[in-house]
């Protein structure tokens, strides 16, 4: 897992090899009403791109600290699932489904995030 320091938040990607990562890139933003609270929802496309192009001038690091508590899936399984996601559109929102959850689900088979907690 690759963690990239952004201006306002951490961005996460999954290393695919040969300098490439898979991550979620913006497509559009929509506001949807959930009960009485409006929450921004974003449509993201899964993209494979070069880590150095994605990170640009931002600092990045390998962050597999969740390996202490979760067992990674076999590499072949992770790569097959990641490759199958490329080009798909996913819904993303700050209070639940985010890029960290996406890549951790690929790596561990379970979506979770330390940036936000979901009940």
Protein backbone atom coordinates (compact mmCIF):
# COMPACT_ATOMS: atom_id res chain seq x y z
CA UNK A 1 0.00 0.00 0.00
CA UNK A 2 1.24 3.47 -0.88
CA UNK A 3 0.23 6.47 1.24
CA UNK A 4 0.65 9.89 -0.38
CA UNK A 5 0.63 13.10 1.66
CA UNK A 6 -1.84 15.47 -0.02
CA UNK A 7 -2.63 19.08 0.86
CA UNK A 8 -5.78 18.28 2.81
CA UNK A 9 -5.76 14.51 3.24
CA UNK A 10 -3.85 11.30 2.67
CA UNK A 11 -4.31 9.57 -0.69
CA UNK A 12 -3.86 5.82 -0.98
CA UNK A 13 -2.85 3.59 -3.88
CA UNK A 14 -1.88 -0.04 -4.36
CA UNK A 15 1.49 -0.84 -5.92
CA UNK A 16 1.14 -3.05 -9.01
CA UNK A 17 4.81 -3.42 -9.99
CA UNK A 18 7.11 -1.78 -12.55
CA UNK A 19 6.45 1.65 -11.02
CA UNK A 20 2.65 1.46 -11.47
CA UNK A 21 -0.09 1.86 -8.87
CA UNK A 22 -3.85 1.52 -8.98
CA UNK A 23 -5.95 4.25 -7.37
CA UNK A 24 -9.21 6.18 -7.58
CA UNK A 25 -9.28 9.35 -9.70
CA UNK A 26 -12.04 12.01 -9.76
CA UNK A 27 -14.84 11.91 -12.29
CA UNK A 28 -17.55 14.08 -10.73
CA UNK A 29 -19.06 15.23 -7.45
CA UNK A 30 -22.72 14.98 -6.45
CA UNK A 31 -24.55 15.94 -3.29
CA UNK A 32 -27.07 13.39 -2.12
CA UNK A 33 -29.52 13.61 0.74
CA UNK A 34 -29.12 10.98 3.44
CA UNK A 35 -31.89 11.47 5.99
CA UNK A 36 -31.43 15.09 7.09
CA UNK A 37 -27.73 15.32 6.31
CA UNK A 38 -26.29 16.20 2.93
CA UNK A 39 -23.10 14.35 2.22
CA UNK A 40 -20.95 14.89 -0.84
CA UNK A 41 -20.54 11.77 -2.92
CA UNK A 42 -17.91 11.47 -5.58
CA UNK A 43 -17.72 9.22 -8.59
CA UNK A 44 -14.19 7.88 -9.01
CA UNK A 45 -12.64 5.82 -11.76
CA UNK A 46 -10.12 3.11 -10.95
CA UNK A 47 -6.95 3.89 -12.85
CA UNK A 48 -3.51 2.32 -13.24
CA UNK A 49 -0.82 4.98 -13.47
CA UNK A 50 2.81 5.59 -12.66
CA UNK A 51 3.40 6.30 -8.97
CA UNK A 52 5.77 9.17 -9.74
CA UNK A 53 3.15 10.87 -11.92
CA UNK A 54 0.42 10.37 -9.32
CA UNK A 55 2.51 11.56 -6.37
CA UNK A 56 4.13 14.47 -8.22
CA UNK A 57 5.95 16.59 -5.63
CA UNK A 58 4.09 15.08 -2.66
CA UNK A 59 5.84 12.81 -0.20
CA UNK A 60 4.82 9.16 -0.38
CA UNK A 61 5.65 6.03 1.57
CA UNK A 62 4.90 2.32 1.70
CA UNK A 63 2.39 1.84 4.51
CA UNK A 64 1.62 -1.78 5.23
CA UNK A 65 1.22 -1.29 8.99
CA UNK A 66 -2.17 -3.01 8.85
CA UNK A 67 -0.27 -6.25 8.12
CA UNK A 68 0.18 -6.41 11.92
CA UNK A 69 -3.56 -6.97 12.37
CA UNK A 70 -4.71 -8.34 8.99
CA UNK A 71 -3.31 -11.04 6.75
CA UNK A 72 -2.76 -9.89 3.16
CA UNK A 73 -4.38 -11.98 0.45
CA UNK A 74 -2.05 -13.88 -1.87
CA UNK A 75 -0.28 -11.48 -4.27
CA UNK A 76 -1.78 -13.19 -7.32
CA UNK A 77 -5.30 -12.70 -5.91
CA UNK A 78 -4.62 -9.03 -5.12
CA UNK A 79 -3.25 -8.38 -8.63
CA UNK A 80 -6.14 -10.17 -10.35
CA UNK A 81 -8.77 -8.26 -8.34
CA UNK A 82 -6.94 -4.95 -8.88
CA UNK A 83 -6.63 -5.52 -12.63
CA UNK A 84 -10.35 -6.39 -12.83
CA UNK A 85 -11.20 -3.01 -11.22
CA UNK A 86 -9.29 -0.85 -13.74
CA UNK A 87 -11.69 1.41 -15.61
CA UNK A 88 -14.64 0.81 -13.27
CA UNK A 89 -16.49 3.72 -11.66
CA UNK A 90 -17.01 3.62 -7.90
CA UNK A 91 -18.87 5.83 -5.45
CA UNK A 92 -16.61 7.49 -2.90
CA UNK A 93 -17.43 9.68 0.07
CA UNK A 94 -15.44 11.11 2.93
CA UNK A 95 -17.45 9.38 5.63
CA UNK A 96 -17.19 5.78 4.51
CA UNK A 97 -16.00 4.54 1.16
CA UNK A 98 -12.69 6.21 0.44
CA UNK A 99 -9.45 5.44 -1.38
CA UNK A 100 -7.87 3.91 1.74
CA UNK A 101 -10.78 1.50 2.14
CA UNK A 102 -10.60 0.64 -1.57
CA UNK A 103 -6.93 -0.40 -1.58
CA UNK A 104 -7.18 -2.14 1.79
CA UNK A 105 -10.08 -4.20 0.51
CA UNK A 106 -7.90 -5.26 -2.42
CA UNK A 107 -4.97 -6.15 -0.14
CA UNK A 108 -6.80 -7.73 2.79
CA UNK A 109 -10.24 -8.64 1.44
CA UNK A 110 -11.77 -6.27 3.99
CA UNK A 111 -12.47 -2.55 3.58
CA UNK A 112 -11.44 -0.36 6.51
CA UNK A 113 -9.91 3.04 7.06
CA UNK A 114 -7.98 4.69 9.84
CA UNK A 115 -8.87 8.15 8.44
CA UNK A 116 -12.55 7.68 9.27
CA UNK A 117 -14.53 5.21 11.28
CA UNK A 118 -17.78 3.84 9.94
CA UNK A 119 -20.37 2.38 12.34
